[in-house]
Each structure stands twice: as C-alpha cells, then as structure tokens.
C-alpha cells in the first residue's frame, strides 16, 4: 500500500510535468508562427528593396550613358503648358524606408 502511494505521487508529478511541457510546446508554436510570419514579411521587403535597387541602378546606368554620349545635352522638348523648365533638387540625402516588424 505504501509503494502504491509513492507511485501515485510520482504519477501526479509526471502528469504535471507533462502538462507543463504541453503548455510550453503551445507557446513555442505561437512564437514560431509569429517569427515565420515576420521572416516572410522581411523577405518580401528585401525582395522589393532589391528590385528597387536594380531599377535605380539601371536608371543610373542609362543616365550615365546619356551623359557620356552627349544625349543629355540635346535640346529638351517642353510641353505647351509649361513654357519654362522646372528644376528640382533634393535638400539632402534620401531617408531609408522603415521596416515595420511584429513586436516580440
């Protein structure tokens, strides 16, 4: 009878440990899903940034080629609605895009 009591106590301890581990598994599953979603969002962001970088690089190459071949010095056709050219300049370096991340 004493041995049965000891074994029943061990069973209760093991059942509680088992339940605690199940809760931890569930919590880890939730965190894993959140991290997977965040990773997918960041990969999409990187792909978009990479494509934008490629596009800007192509534009830069085209402009350099035009500058070197003198095409940039050719007369500019103005639209009939704007009799004078409009010059735009930036007031400093461009600011990088911000990445929104899921809080952990």
PDB file of N, CA and C in Angstrom:
ATOM      1  N   UNK A   1       0.842  -1.200   0.000  1.00  0.00           N
ATOM      2  CA  UNK A   1       0.000   0.000   0.000  1.00  0.00           C
ATOM      3  C   UNK A   1       0.883   1.259   0.000  1.00  0.00           C
ATOM      4  N   UNK A   2       1.975   1.231   0.773  1.00  0.00           N
ATOM      5  CA  UNK A   2       2.889   2.379   0.826  1.00  0.00           C
ATOM      6  C   UNK A   2       3.548   2.588  -0.530  1.00  0.00           C
ATOM      7  N   UNK A   3       3.919   1.512  -1.191  1.00  0.00           N
ATOM      8  CA  UNK A   3       4.551   1.597  -2.513  1.00  0.00           C
ATOM      9  C   UNK A   3       3.569   2.180  -3.530  1.00  0.00           C
ATOM     10  N   UNK A   4       2.283   1.804  -3.419  1.00  0.00           N
ATOM     11  CA  UNK A   4       1.268   2.360  -4.322  1.00  0.00           C
ATOM     12  C   UNK A   4       1.130   3.864  -4.131  1.00  0.00           C
ATOM     13  N   UNK A   5       1.180   4.356  -2.884  1.00  0.00           N
ATOM     14  CA  UNK A   5       1.091   5.786  -2.616  1.00  0.00           C
ATOM     15  C   UNK A   5       2.271   6.536  -3.236  1.00  0.00           C
ATOM     16  N   UNK A   6       3.451   5.978  -3.089  1.00  0.00           N
ATOM     17  CA  UNK A   6       4.653   6.605  -3.672  1.00  0.00           C
ATOM     18  C   UNK A   6       4.527   6.652  -5.192  1.00  0.00           C
ATOM     19  N   UNK A   7       4.061   5.556  -5.797  1.00  0.00           N
ATOM     20  CA  UNK A   7       3.908   5.509  -7.257  1.00  0.00           C
ATOM     21  C   UNK A   7       2.830   6.481  -7.728  1.00  0.00           C
ATOM     22  N   UNK A   8       1.739   6.619  -6.975  1.00  0.00           N
ATOM     23  CA  UNK A   8       0.686   7.563  -7.343  1.00  0.00           C
ATOM     24  C   UNK A   8       1.195   9.001  -7.272  1.00  0.00           C
ATOM     25  N   UNK A   9       2.019   9.309  -6.273  1.00  0.00           N
ATOM     26  CA  UNK A   9       2.610  10.643  -6.185  1.00  0.00           C
ATOM     27  C   UNK A   9       3.523  10.911  -7.373  1.00  0.00           C
ATOM     28  N   UNK A  10       4.307   9.908  -7.750  1.00  0.00           N
ATOM     29  CA  UNK A  10       5.188  10.060  -8.912  1.00  0.00           C
ATOM     30  C   UNK A  10       4.364  10.264 -10.177  1.00  0.00           C
ATOM     31  N   UNK A  11       3.241   9.542 -10.291  1.00  0.00           N
ATOM     32  CA  UNK A  11       2.366   9.698 -11.456  1.00  0.00           C
ATOM     33  C   UNK A  11       1.843  11.128 -11.520  1.00  0.00           C
ATOM     34  N   UNK A  12       1.417  11.664 -10.375  1.00  0.00           N
ATOM     35  CA  UNK A  12       0.910  13.038 -10.345  1.00  0.00           C
ATOM     36  C   UNK A  12       1.987  14.040 -10.741  1.00  0.00           C
ATOM     37  N   UNK A  13       3.187  13.844 -10.239  1.00  0.00           N
ATOM     38  CA  UNK A  13       4.305  14.738 -10.587  1.00  0.00           C
ATOM     39  C   UNK A  13       4.580  14.657 -12.082  1.00  0.00           C
ATOM     40  N   UNK A  14       4.616  13.455 -12.628  1.00  0.00           N
ATOM     41  CA  UNK A  14       4.885  13.282 -14.060  1.00  0.00           C
ATOM     42  C   UNK A  14       3.757  13.860 -14.908  1.00  0.00           C
ATOM     43  N   UNK A  15       2.512  13.712 -14.456  1.00  0.00           N
ATOM     44  CA  UNK A  15       1.392  14.290 -15.202  1.00  0.00           C
ATOM     45  C   UNK A  15       1.475  15.816 -15.212  1.00  0.00           C
ATOM     46  N   UNK A  16       1.859  16.395 -14.080  1.00  0.00           N
ATOM     47  CA  UNK A  16       2.002  17.853 -14.019  1.00  0.00           C
ATOM     48  C   UNK A  16       3.151  18.319 -14.931  1.00  0.00           C
ATOM     49  N   UNK A  17       4.270  17.598 -14.911  1.00  0.00           N
ATOM     50  CA  UNK A  17       5.387  17.939 -15.794  1.00  0.00           C
ATOM     51  C   UNK A  17       4.960  17.823 -17.255  1.00  0.00           C
ATOM     52  N   UNK A  18       4.194  16.795 -17.565  1.00  0.00           N
ATOM     53  CA  UNK A  18       3.710  16.581 -18.927  1.00  0.00           C
ATOM     54  C   UNK A  18       2.817  17.750 -19.357  1.00  0.00           C
ATOM     55  N   UNK A  19       1.922  18.180 -18.493  1.00  0.00           N
ATOM     56  CA  UNK A  19       1.044  19.314 -18.798  1.00  0.00           C
ATOM     57  C   UNK A  19       1.858  20.595 -18.983  1.00  0.00           C
ATOM     58  N   UNK A  20       2.834  20.809 -18.114  1.00  0.00           N
ATOM     59  CA  UNK A  20       3.703  21.989 -18.254  1.00  0.00           C
ATOM     60  C   UNK A  20       4.428  21.982 -19.600  1.00  0.00           C
ATOM     61  N   UNK A  21       4.909  20.827 -20.005  1.00  0.00           N
ATOM     62  CA  UNK A  21       5.601  20.715 -21.293  1.00  0.00           C
ATOM     63  C   UNK A  21       4.646  20.965 -22.458  1.00  0.00           C
ATOM     64  N   UNK A  22       3.408  20.509 -22.349  1.00  0.00           N
ATOM     65  CA  UNK A  22       2.418  20.774 -23.407  1.00  0.00           C
ATOM     66  C   UNK A  22       2.160  22.273 -23.539  1.00  0.00           C
ATOM     67  N   UNK A  23       2.059  22.967 -22.404  1.00  0.00           N
ATOM     68  CA  UNK A  23       1.854  24.418 -22.433  1.00  0.00           C
ATOM     69  C   UNK A  23       3.048  25.109 -23.096  1.00  0.00           C
ATOM     70  N   UNK A  24       4.252  24.682 -22.749  1.00  0.00           N
ATOM     71  CA  UNK A  24       5.458  25.268 -23.360  1.00  0.00           C
ATOM     72  C   UNK A  24       5.492  25.010 -24.859  1.00  0.00           C
ATOM     73  N   UNK A  25       5.080  23.807 -25.269  1.00  0.00           N
ATOM     74  CA  UNK A  25       5.039  23.486 -26.707  1.00  0.00           C
ATOM     75  C   UNK A  25       4.060  24.414 -27.414  1.00  0.00           C
ATOM     76  N   UNK A  26       2.893  24.618 -26.814  1.00  0.00           N
ATOM     77  CA  UNK A  26       1.897  25.516 -27.415  1.00  0.00           C
ATOM     78  C   UNK A  26       2.433  26.940 -27.528  1.00  0.00           C
ATOM     79  N   UNK A  27       3.098  27.405 -26.473  1.00  0.00           N
ATOM     80  CA  UNK A  27       3.671  28.757 -26.507  1.00  0.00           C
ATOM     81  C   UNK A  27       4.753  28.865 -27.580  1.00  0.00           C
ATOM     82  N   UNK A  28       5.587  27.848 -27.667  1.00  0.00           N
ATOM     83  CA  UNK A  28       6.643  27.857 -28.686  1.00  0.00           C
ATOM     84  C   UNK A  28       6.060  27.812 -30.090  1.00  0.00           C
ATOM     85  N   UNK A  29       4.957  27.113 -30.264  1.00  0.00           N
ATOM     86  CA  UNK A  29       4.301  27.047 -31.572  1.00  0.00           C
ATOM     87  C   UNK A  29       3.811  28.436 -31.986  1.00  0.00           C
ATOM     88  N   UNK A  30       3.220  29.158 -31.034  1.00  0.00           N
ATOM     89  CA  UNK A  30       2.744  30.513 -31.322  1.00  0.00           C
ATOM     90  C   UNK A  30       3.909  31.420 -31.705  1.00  0.00           C
ATOM     91  N   UNK A  31       4.986  31.361 -30.942  1.00  0.00           N
ATOM     92  CA  UNK A  31       6.158  32.198 -31.225  1.00  0.00           C
ATOM     93  C   UNK A  31       6.761  31.825 -32.582  1.00  0.00           C
ATOM     94  N   UNK A  32       6.810  30.538 -32.875  1.00  0.00           N
ATOM     95  CA  UNK A  32       7.348  30.078 -34.160  1.00  0.00           C
ATOM     96  C   UNK A  32       6.527  30.623 -35.318  1.00  0.00           C
ATOM     97  N   UNK A  33       5.214  30.601 -35.174  1.00  0.00           N
ATOM     98  CA  UNK A  33       4.343  31.139 -36.233  1.00  0.00           C
ATOM     99  C   UNK A  33       4.576  32.630 -36.415  1.00  0.00           C
ATOM    100  N   UNK A  34       4.684  33.359 -35.299  1.00  0.00           N
ATOM    101  CA  UNK A  34       4.922  34.803 -35.387  1.00  0.00           C
ATOM    102  C   UNK A  34       6.256  35.096 -36.075  1.00  0.00           C
ATOM    103  N   UNK A  35       7.276  34.351 -35.694  1.00  0.00           N
ATOM    104  CA  UNK A  35       8.601  34.565 -36.296  1.00  0.00           C
ATOM    105  C   UNK A  35       8.608  34.192 -37.769  1.00  0.00           C
ATOM    106  N   UNK A  36       7.875  33.154 -38.121  1.00  0.00           N
ATOM    107  CA  UNK A  36       7.790  32.754 -39.531  1.00  0.00           C
ATOM    108  C   UNK A  36       7.112  33.840 -40.350  1.00  0.00           C
ATOM    109  N   UNK A  37       6.050  34.408 -39.797  1.00  0.00           N
ATOM    110  CA  UNK A  37       5.348  35.486 -40.500  1.00  0.00           C
ATOM    111  C   UNK A  37       6.250  36.718 -40.635  1.00  0.00           C
ATOM    112  N   UNK A  38       6.939  37.048 -39.566  1.00  0.00           N
ATOM    113  CA  UNK A  38       7.855  38.189 -39.609  1.00  0.00           C
ATOM    114  C   UNK A  38       8.972  37.938 -40.625  1.00  0.00           C
ATOM    115  N   UNK A  39       9.481  36.725 -40.656  1.00  0.00           N
ATOM    116  CA  UNK A  39      10.529  36.376 -41.612  1.00  0.00           C
ATOM    117  C   UNK A  39      10.022  36.517 -43.042  1.00  0.00           C
ATOM    118  N   UNK A  40       8.801  36.033 -43.293  1.00  0.00           N
ATOM    119  CA  UNK A  40       8.235  36.149 -44.642  1.00  0.00           C
ATOM    120  C   UNK A  40       8.065  37.613 -45.033  1.00  0.00           C
ATOM    121  N   UNK A  41       7.592  38.438 -44.091  1.00  0.00           N
ATOM    122  CA  UNK A  41       7.440  39.867 -44.373  1.00  0.00           C
ATOM    123  C   UNK A  41       8.780  40.525 -44.668  1.00  0.00           C
ATOM    124  N   UNK A  42       9.794  40.163 -43.900  1.00  0.00           N
ATOM    125  CA  UNK A  42      11.124  40.748 -44.119  1.00  0.00           C
ATOM    126  C   UNK A  42      11.722  40.285 -45.442  1.00  0.00           C
ATOM    127  N   UNK A  43      11.494  39.023 -45.805  1.00  0.00           N
ATOM    128  CA  UNK A  43      11.994  38.543 -47.091  1.00  0.00           C
ATOM    129  C   UNK A  43      11.320  39.284 -48.245  1.00  0.00           C
ATOM    130  N   UNK A  44      10.015  39.530 -48.102  1.00  0.00           N
ATOM    131  CA  UNK A  44       9.296  40.291 -49.129  1.00  0.00           C
ATOM    132  C   UNK A  44       9.852  41.708 -49.224  1.00  0.00           C
ATOM    133  N   UNK A  45      10.121  42.304 -48.078  1.00  0.00           N
ATOM    134  CA  UNK A  45      10.689  43.648 -48.049  1.00  0.00           C
ATOM    135  C   UNK A  45      12.053  43.678 -48.742  1.00  0.00           C
ATOM    136  N   UNK A  46      12.885  42.685 -48.444  1.00  0.00           N
ATOM    137  CA  UNK A  46      14.222  42.616 -49.052  1.00  0.00           C
ATOM    138  C   UNK A  46      14.103  42.455 -50.566  1.00  0.00           C
ATOM    139  N   UNK A  47      13.167  41.615 -51.015  1.00  0.00           N
ATOM    140  CA  UNK A  47      12.974  41.430 -52.460  1.00  0.00           C
ATOM    141  C   UNK A  47      12.568  42.744 -53.121  1.00  0.00           C
ATOM    142  N   UNK A  48      11.639  43.462 -52.495  1.00  0.00           N
ATOM    143  CA  UNK A  48      11.205  44.746 -53.059  1.00  0.00           C
ATOM    144  C   UNK A  48      12.359  45.739 -53.097  1.00  0.00           C
ATOM    145  N   UNK A  49      13.132  45.790 -52.022  1.00  0.00           N
ATOM    146  CA  UNK A  49      14.275  46.697 -51.976  1.00  0.00           C
ATOM    147  C   UNK A  49      15.323  46.320 -53.027  1.00  0.00           C
ATOM    148  N   UNK A  50      15.517  45.025 -53.223  1.00  0.00           N
ATOM    149  CA  UNK A  50      16.470  44.562 -54.227  1.00  0.00           C
ATOM    150  C   UNK A  50      16.018  44.967 -55.629  1.00  0.00           C
ATOM    151  N   UNK A  51      14.731  44.791 -55.903  1.00  0.00           N
ATOM    152  CA  UNK A  51      14.197  45.197 -57.206  1.00  0.00           C
ATOM    153  C   UNK A  51      14.316  46.701 -57.405  1.00  0.00           C
ATOM    154  N   UNK A  52      14.037  47.469 -56.362  1.00  0.00           N
ATOM    155  CA  UNK A  52      14.166  48.922 -56.460  1.00  0.00           C
ATOM    156  C   UNK A  52      15.627  49.314 -56.687  1.00  0.00           C
ATOM    157  N   UNK A  53      16.544  48.635 -56.026  1.00  0.00           N
ATOM    158  CA  UNK A  53      17.964  48.920 -56.217  1.00  0.00           C
ATOM    159  C   UNK A  53      18.378  48.621 -57.652  1.00  0.00           C
ATOM    160  N   UNK A  54      17.895  47.490 -58.195  1.00  0.00           N
ATOM    161  CA  UNK A  54      18.206  47.147 -59.587  1.00  0.00           C
ATOM    162  C   UNK A  54      17.651  48.195 -60.539  1.00  0.00           C
ATOM    163  N   UNK A  55      16.413  48.628 -60.273  1.00  0.00           N
ATOM    164  CA  UNK A  55      15.791  49.632 -61.132  1.00  0.00           C
ATOM    165  C   UNK A  55      16.582  50.937 -61.093  1.00  0.00           C
ATOM    166  N   UNK A  56      16.962  51.357 -59.896  1.00  0.00           N
ATOM    167  CA  UNK A  56      17.739  52.589 -59.773  1.00  0.00           C
ATOM    168  C   UNK A  56      19.112  52.451 -60.431  1.00  0.00           C
ATOM    169  N   UNK A  57      19.693  51.272 -60.332  1.00  0.00           N
ATOM    170  CA  UNK A  57      20.983  51.037 -60.967  1.00  0.00           C
ATOM    171  C   UNK A  57      20.864  51.140 -62.491  1.00  0.00           C
ATOM    172  N   UNK A  58      19.791  50.547 -63.034  1.00  0.00           N
ATOM    173  CA  UNK A  58      19.573  50.637 -64.484  1.00  0.00           C
ATOM    174  C   UNK A  58      19.358  52.081 -64.913  1.00  0.00           C
ATOM    175  N   UNK A  59      18.573  52.809 -64.123  1.00  0.00           N
ATOM    176  CA  UNK A  59      18.332  54.219 -64.430  1.00  0.00           C
ATOM    177  C   UNK A  59      19.637  55.003 -64.379  1.00  0.00           C
ATOM    178  N   UNK A  60      20.442  54.724 -63.376  1.00  0.00           N
ATOM    179  CA  UNK A  60      21.730  55.394 -63.240  1.00  0.00           C
ATOM    180  C   UNK A  60      22.631  55.092 -64.437  1.00  0.00           C
ATOM    181  N   UNK A  61      22.675  53.824 -64.822  1.00  0.00           N
ATOM    182  CA  UNK A  61      23.492  53.445 -65.987  1.00  0.00           C
ATOM    183  C   UNK A  61      23.004  54.162 -67.241  1.00  0.00           C
ATOM    184  N   UNK A  62      21.697  54.221 -67.408  1.00  0.00           N
ATOM    185  CA  UNK A  62      21.130  54.894 -68.581  1.00  0.00           C
ATOM    186  C   UNK A  62      21.486  56.373 -68.586  1.00  0.00           C
ATOM    187  N   UNK A  63      21.363  57.000 -67.424  1.00  0.00           N
ATOM    188  CA  UNK A  63      21.691  58.427 -67.347  1.00  0.00           C
ATOM    189  C   UNK A  63      23.181  58.674 -67.589  1.00  0.00           C
ATOM    190  N   UNK A  64      24.026  57.790 -67.044  1.00  0.00           N
ATOM    191  CA  UNK A  64      25.461  57.931 -67.302  1.00  0.00           C
ATOM    192  C   UNK A  64      25.773  57.772 -68.777  1.00  0.00           C
ATOM    193  N   UNK A  65      25.115  56.812 -69.409  1.00  0.00           N
ATOM    194  CA  UNK A  65      25.344  56.599 -70.837  1.00  0.00           C
ATOM    195  C   UNK A  65      24.908  57.826 -71.625  1.00  0.00           C
ATOM    196  N   UNK A  66      23.745  58.374 -71.279  1.00  0.00           N
ATOM    197  CA  UNK A  66      23.267  59.569 -71.975  1.00  0.00           C
ATOM    198  C   UNK A  66      24.219  60.731 -71.763  1.00  0.00           C
ATOM    199  N   UNK A  67      24.740  60.852 -70.555  1.00  0.00           N
ATOM    200  CA  UNK A  67      25.671  61.933 -70.257  1.00  0.00           C
ATOM    201  C   UNK A  67      26.959  61.773 -71.061  1.00  0.00           C
ATOM    202  N   UNK A  68      27.453  60.537 -71.146  1.00  0.00           N
ATOM    203  CA  UNK A  68      28.699  60.281 -71.870  1.00  0.00           C
ATOM    204  C   UNK A  68      28.531  60.437 -73.374  1.00  0.00           C
ATOM    205  N   UNK A  69      27.378  60.107 -73.898  1.00  0.00           N
ATOM    206  CA  UNK A  69      27.174  60.203 -75.343  1.00  0.00           C
ATOM    207  C   UNK A  69      26.688  61.576 -75.773  1.00  0.00           C
ATOM    208  N   UNK A  70      26.456  62.455 -74.804  1.00  0.00           N
ATOM    209  CA  UNK A  70      26.046  63.809 -75.138  1.00  0.00           C
ATOM    210  C   UNK A  70      24.555  63.935 -75.345  1.00  0.00           C
ATOM    211  N   UNK A  71      23.848  62.858 -75.160  1.00  0.00           N
ATOM    212  CA  UNK A  71      22.399  62.911 -75.349  1.00  0.00           C
ATOM    213  C   UNK A  71      21.742  63.820 -74.316  1.00  0.00           C
ATOM    214  N   UNK A  72      22.354  63.918 -73.155  1.00  0.00           N
ATOM    215  CA  UNK A  72      21.786  64.761 -72.112  1.00  0.00           C
ATOM    216  C   UNK A  72      21.897  66.241 -72.473  1.00  0.00           C
ATOM    217  N   UNK A  73      22.782  66.573 -73.431  1.00  0.00           N
ATOM    218  CA  UNK A  73      22.967  67.963 -73.822  1.00  0.00           C
ATOM    219  C   UNK A  73      22.033  68.359 -74.957  1.00  0.00           C
ATOM    220  N   UNK A  74      21.250  67.413 -75.477  1.00  0.00           N
ATOM    221  CA  UNK A  74      20.351  67.737 -76.583  1.00  0.00           C
ATOM    222  C   UNK A  74      19.226  68.632 -76.083  1.00  0.00           C
ATOM    223  N   UNK A  75      18.619  69.397 -76.993  1.00  0.00           N
ATOM    224  CA  UNK A  75      17.532  70.296 -76.558  1.00  0.00           C
ATOM    225  C   UNK A  75      16.386  69.514 -75.921  1.00  0.00           C
ATOM    226  N   UNK A  76      15.824  70.101 -74.910  1.00  0.00           N
ATOM    227  CA  UNK A  76      14.729  69.470 -74.190  1.00  0.00           C
ATOM    228  C   UNK A  76      13.424  69.988 -74.761  1.00  0.00           C
ATOM    229  N   UNK A  77      12.525  69.074 -75.102  1.00  0.00           N
ATOM    230  CA  UNK A  77      11.210  69.487 -75.594  1.00  0.00           C
ATOM    231  C   UNK A  77      10.334  69.813 -74.394  1.00  0.00           C
ATOM    232  N   UNK A  78       9.754  70.993 -74.417  1.00  0.00           N
ATOM    233  CA  UNK A  78       8.885  71.407 -73.328  1.00  0.00           C
ATOM    234  C   UNK A  78       7.440  71.202 -73.742  1.00  0.00           C
ATOM    235  N   UNK A  79       6.641  70.870 -72.771  1.00  0.00           N
ATOM    236  CA  UNK A  79       5.220  70.709 -73.069  1.00  0.00           C
ATOM    237  C   UNK A  79       4.612  72.088 -73.267  1.00  0.00           C
ATOM    238  N   UNK A  80       3.543  72.191 -74.059  1.00  0.00           N
ATOM    239  CA  UNK A  80       2.952  73.510 -74.326  1.00  0.00           C
ATOM    240  C   UNK A  80       2.413  74.183 -73.070  1.00  0.00           C
ATOM    241  N   UNK A  81       2.120  73.434 -72.045  1.00  0.00           N
ATOM    242  CA  UNK A  81       1.554  74.034 -70.839  1.00  0.00           C
ATOM    243  C   UNK A  81       2.616  74.614 -69.922  1.00  0.00           C
ATOM    244  N   UNK A  82       3.878  74.188 -70.060  1.00  0.00           N
ATOM    245  CA  UNK A  82       4.916  74.750 -69.199  1.00  0.00           C
ATOM    246  C   UNK A  82       5.991  75.400 -70.060  1.00  0.00           C
ATOM    247  N   UNK A  83       5.952  76.717 -70.189  1.00  0.00           N
ATOM    248  CA  UNK A  83       6.904  77.416 -71.057  1.00  0.00           C
ATOM    249  C   UNK A  83       8.325  77.438 -70.516  1.00  0.00           C
ATOM    250  N   UNK A  84       8.501  77.249 -69.225  1.00  0.00           N
ATOM    251  CA  UNK A  84       9.850  77.256 -68.671  1.00  0.00           C
ATOM    252  C   UNK A  84      10.113  75.932 -67.981  1.00  0.00           C
ATOM    253  N   UNK A  85      11.365  75.465 -68.039  1.00  0.00           N
ATOM    254  CA  UNK A  85      11.671  74.192 -67.384  1.00  0.00           C
ATOM    255  C   UNK A  85      11.611  74.325 -65.858  1.00  0.00           C
ATOM    256  N   UNK A  86      11.268  73.269 -65.220  1.00  0.00           N
ATOM    257  CA  UNK A  86      11.212  73.241 -63.765  1.00  0.00           C
ATOM    258  C   UNK A  86      12.367  72.380 -63.276  1.00  0.00           C
ATOM    259  N   UNK A  87      13.172  72.934 -62.386  1.00  0.00           N
ATOM    260  CA  UNK A  87      14.301  72.195 -61.845  1.00  0.00           C
ATOM    261  C   UNK A  87      13.971  71.800 -60.415  1.00  0.00           C
ATOM    262  N   UNK A  88      14.259  70.556 -60.116  1.00  0.00           N
ATOM    263  CA  UNK A  88      14.025  70.073 -58.756  1.00  0.00           C
ATOM    264  C   UNK A  88      15.340  69.602 -58.171  1.00  0.00           C
ATOM    265  N   UNK A  89      15.514  69.901 -56.916  1.00  0.00           N
ATOM    266  CA  UNK A  89      16.699  69.394 -56.246  1.00  0.00           C
ATOM    267  C   UNK A  89      16.289  68.921 -54.862  1.00  0.00           C
ATOM    268  N   UNK A  90      17.003  67.935 -54.386  1.00  0.00           N
ATOM    269  CA  UNK A  90      16.698  67.431 -53.053  1.00  0.00           C
ATOM    270  C   UNK A  90      17.471  68.247 -52.030  1.00  0.00           C
ATOM    271  N   UNK A  91      16.932  68.281 -50.836  1.00  0.00           N
ATOM    272  CA  UNK A  91      17.589  69.058 -49.785  1.00  0.00           C
ATOM    273  C   UNK A  91      18.347  68.141 -48.845  1.00  0.00           C
ATOM    274  N   UNK A  92      18.992  67.151 -49.368  1.00  0.00           N
ATOM    275  CA  UNK A  92      19.776  66.251 -48.532  1.00  0.00           C
ATOM    276  C   UNK A  92      19.638  64.826 -49.016  1.00  0.00           C
ATOM    277  N   UNK A  93      20.299  63.930 -48.323  1.00  0.00           N
ATOM    278  CA  UNK A  93      20.253  62.529 -48.750  1.00  0.00           C
ATOM    279  C   UNK A  93      18.864  61.950 -48.506  1.00  0.00           C
ATOM    280  N   UNK A  94      18.467  60.990 -49.340  1.00  0.00           N
ATOM    281  CA  UNK A  94      17.158  60.375 -49.146  1.00  0.00           C
ATOM    282  C   UNK A  94      17.135  59.590 -47.844  1.00  0.00           C
ATOM    283  N   UNK A  95      15.972  59.516 -47.240  1.00  0.00           N
ATOM    284  CA  UNK A  95      15.851  58.764 -45.995  1.00  0.00           C
ATOM    285  C   UNK A  95      15.472  57.335 -46.319  1.00  0.00           C
ATOM    286  N   UNK A  96      16.055  56.372 -45.606  1.00  0.00           N
ATOM    287  CA  UNK A  96      15.741  54.966 -45.883  1.00  0.00           C
ATOM    288  C   UNK A  96      14.318  54.643 -45.443  1.00  0.00           C
ATOM    289  N   UNK A  97      13.725  53.683 -46.130  1.00  0.00           N
ATOM    290  CA  UNK A  97      12.387  53.246 -45.769  1.00  0.00           C
ATOM    291  C   UNK A  97      12.442  52.505 -44.445  1.00  0.00           C
ATOM    292  N   UNK A  98      11.394  52.662 -43.660  1.00  0.00           N
ATOM    293  CA  UNK A  98      11.353  51.981 -42.382  1.00  0.00           C
ATOM    294  C   UNK A  98      10.674  50.638 -42.550  1.00  0.00           C
ATOM    295  N   UNK A  99      11.164  49.644 -41.803  1.00  0.00           N
ATOM    296  CA  UNK A  99      10.592  48.312 -41.828  1.00  0.00           C
ATOM    297  C   UNK A  99       9.733  48.156 -40.579  1.00  0.00           C
ATOM    298  N   UNK A 100       8.489  47.771 -40.789  1.00  0.00           N
ATOM    299  CA  UNK A 100       7.672  47.522 -39.599  1.00  0.00           C
ATOM    300  C   UNK A 100       7.811  46.051 -39.239  1.00  0.00           C
ATOM    301  N   UNK A 101       8.109  45.821 -37.989  1.00  0.00           N
ATOM    302  CA  UNK A 101       8.274  44.439 -37.537  1.00  0.00           C
ATOM    303  C   UNK A 101       7.219  44.137 -36.503  1.00  0.00           C
ATOM    304  N   UNK A 102       6.936  42.880 -36.377  1.00  0.00           N
ATOM    305  CA  UNK A 102       5.956  42.441 -35.394  1.00  0.00           C
ATOM    306  C   UNK A 102       6.638  42.421 -34.036  1.00  0.00           C
ATOM    307  N   UNK A 103       6.017  43.059 -33.015  1.00  0.00           N
ATOM    308  CA  UNK A 103       6.653  43.047 -31.692  1.00  0.00           C
ATOM    309  C   UNK A 103       6.730  41.633 -31.129  1.00  0.00           C
ATOM    310  N   UNK A 104       7.803  41.373 -30.438  1.00  0.00           N
ATOM    311  CA  UNK A 104       8.015  40.027 -29.884  1.00  0.00           C
ATOM    312  C   UNK A 104       7.476  39.924 -28.494  1.00  0.00           C
TER     313      UNK A 104
END
